[in-house]
Amino acid sequence: MAVIVIDRKVSEDQLSSNKKLIHSMIENIFLALERIEVTIERVRDRQRMERERERANLLRAISHDLRTPLSGIMGSAEMLMDMTEKDDKRQTLLKGIYQDADWLKSLVENIRKSQ
């Protein structure tokens, strides 16, 4: 984490008399660096949580915005199928529209559930 340099010109006597002070300084520097690392990690965790919250909100919004028109398409297709004779060629087209819209709605529901 850090390097402490002691000048070679310092005598052994001076060094040993200041040994407690040097140890205290080293411990304080270490604690300060450790606090900085913990703070950085907390900030990163908050950023991750915020990104996840934003992602979930986006998925909810997209899911809602897609489900609404798909429900309308399905309802309209079902209504038109009821109004069309069973042997009418358009009946197949309407069933396809309904089934495709239902399939898309299922995909949207799976996206919403995967949050």
Protein backbone atom coordinates (compact mmCIF):
# COMPACT_ATOMS: atom_id res chain seq x y z
CA MET A 1 0.00 0.00 0.00
CA ALA A 2 2.82 2.40 0.76
CA VAL A 3 6.56 2.72 1.13
CA ILE A 4 8.29 4.50 3.98
CA VAL A 5 11.79 5.74 3.30
CA ILE A 6 14.21 6.58 6.08
CA ASP A 7 17.21 8.64 5.18
CA ARG A 8 20.49 6.71 5.55
CA LYS A 9 22.02 9.68 7.28
CA VAL A 10 19.80 9.06 10.32
CA SER A 11 21.81 7.38 13.05
CA GLU A 12 20.73 4.19 14.83
CA ASP A 13 20.34 6.12 18.08
CA GLN A 14 18.00 8.67 16.51
CA LEU A 15 16.06 5.89 14.83
CA SER A 16 15.62 3.82 18.01
CA SER A 17 14.62 6.88 20.07
CA ASN A 18 11.86 7.69 17.55
CA LYS A 19 10.81 4.07 17.04
CA LYS A 20 7.43 4.46 18.79
CA LEU A 21 6.68 7.61 16.83
CA ILE A 22 7.55 5.89 13.55
CA HIS A 23 5.37 2.87 14.40
CA SER A 24 2.50 5.16 15.37
CA MET A 25 2.81 7.08 12.09
CA ILE A 26 2.88 3.83 10.11
CA GLU A 27 -0.25 2.55 11.88
CA ASN A 28 -2.10 5.82 11.31
CA ILE A 29 -1.15 5.90 7.64
CA PHE A 30 -2.24 2.28 7.26
CA LEU A 31 -5.61 2.97 8.92
CA ALA A 32 -6.16 6.03 6.72
CA LEU A 33 -5.39 4.03 3.57
CA GLU A 34 -7.66 1.23 4.73
CA ARG A 35 -10.52 3.73 5.34
CA ILE A 36 -10.01 5.13 1.85
CA GLU A 37 -10.27 1.63 0.35
CA VAL A 38 -13.44 0.88 2.32
CA THR A 39 -14.97 4.18 1.22
CA ILE A 40 -14.13 3.51 -2.41
CA GLU A 41 -15.74 0.05 -2.16
CA ARG A 42 -18.90 1.54 -0.58
CA VAL A 43 -19.16 4.06 -3.41
CA ARG A 44 -18.77 1.26 -5.97
CA ASP A 45 -21.46 -0.80 -4.19
CA ARG A 46 -23.85 2.17 -4.22
CA GLN A 47 -23.17 2.73 -7.91
CA ARG A 48 -23.84 -0.96 -8.65
CA MET A 49 -27.08 -0.84 -6.69
CA GLU A 50 -28.17 2.33 -8.50
CA ARG A 51 -27.40 0.79 -11.90
CA GLU A 52 -29.40 -2.32 -10.96
CA ARG A 53 -32.32 -0.18 -9.78
CA GLU A 54 -32.24 1.81 -13.03
CA ARG A 55 -32.11 -1.41 -15.07
CA ALA A 56 -35.09 -2.83 -13.19
CA ASN A 57 -37.05 0.40 -13.67
CA LEU A 58 -36.25 0.42 -17.38
CA LEU A 59 -37.37 -3.19 -17.77
CA ARG A 60 -40.61 -2.44 -15.89
CA ALA A 61 -41.30 0.58 -18.10
CA ILE A 62 -40.54 -1.30 -21.32
CA SER A 63 -42.64 -4.25 -20.19
CA HIS A 64 -45.60 -2.02 -19.40
CA ASP A 65 -45.26 -0.05 -22.63
CA LEU A 66 -45.23 -3.26 -24.69
CA ARG A 67 -47.96 -5.14 -22.82
CA THR A 68 -50.52 -2.36 -23.27
CA PRO A 69 -50.59 -2.31 -27.11
CA LEU A 70 -50.22 -6.10 -27.28
CA SER A 71 -53.34 -6.50 -25.16
CA GLY A 72 -55.16 -4.15 -27.54
CA ILE A 73 -53.97 -6.11 -30.58
CA MET A 74 -55.05 -9.39 -29.00
CA GLY A 75 -58.45 -7.98 -28.06
CA SER A 76 -59.04 -6.56 -31.53
CA ALA A 77 -57.96 -9.79 -33.22
CA GLU A 78 -60.23 -11.82 -30.95
CA MET A 79 -63.16 -9.49 -31.61
CA LEU A 80 -62.60 -9.69 -35.38
CA MET A 81 -62.34 -13.49 -35.19
CA ASP A 82 -65.74 -13.58 -33.45
CA MET A 83 -67.20 -11.34 -36.17
CA THR A 84 -65.74 -13.40 -39.04
CA GLU A 85 -67.19 -16.65 -40.35
CA LYS A 86 -65.15 -19.74 -39.42
CA ASP A 87 -64.54 -20.68 -43.07
CA ASP A 88 -63.40 -17.14 -44.02
CA LYS A 89 -59.78 -16.94 -45.21
CA ARG A 90 -59.22 -13.95 -42.91
CA GLN A 91 -59.87 -16.18 -39.90
CA THR A 92 -56.40 -17.76 -40.34
CA LEU A 93 -54.76 -14.36 -40.56
CA LEU A 94 -56.57 -13.16 -37.43
CA LYS A 95 -55.59 -16.30 -35.51
CA GLY A 96 -51.97 -15.72 -36.54
CA ILE A 97 -52.12 -12.11 -35.35
CA TYR A 98 -53.63 -13.19 -32.03
CA GLN A 99 -51.12 -16.00 -31.50
CA ASP A 100 -48.12 -13.81 -32.40
CA ALA A 101 -49.31 -11.04 -30.09
CA ASP A 102 -49.84 -13.60 -27.33
CA TRP A 103 -46.34 -14.99 -27.90
CA LEU A 104 -44.85 -11.47 -27.70
CA LYS A 105 -46.84 -10.75 -24.56
CA SER A 106 -45.42 -13.94 -22.99
CA LEU A 107 -41.89 -12.80 -23.86
CA VAL A 108 -42.55 -9.42 -22.27
CA GLU A 109 -43.91 -11.13 -19.14
CA ASN A 110 -40.76 -13.28 -18.94
CA ILE A 111 -38.59 -10.16 -19.19
CA ARG A 112 -40.57 -8.54 -16.38
CA LYS A 113 -40.33 -11.67 -14.22
CA SER A 114 -36.57 -11.99 -14.77
CA GLN A 115 -35.90 -8.73 -12.97
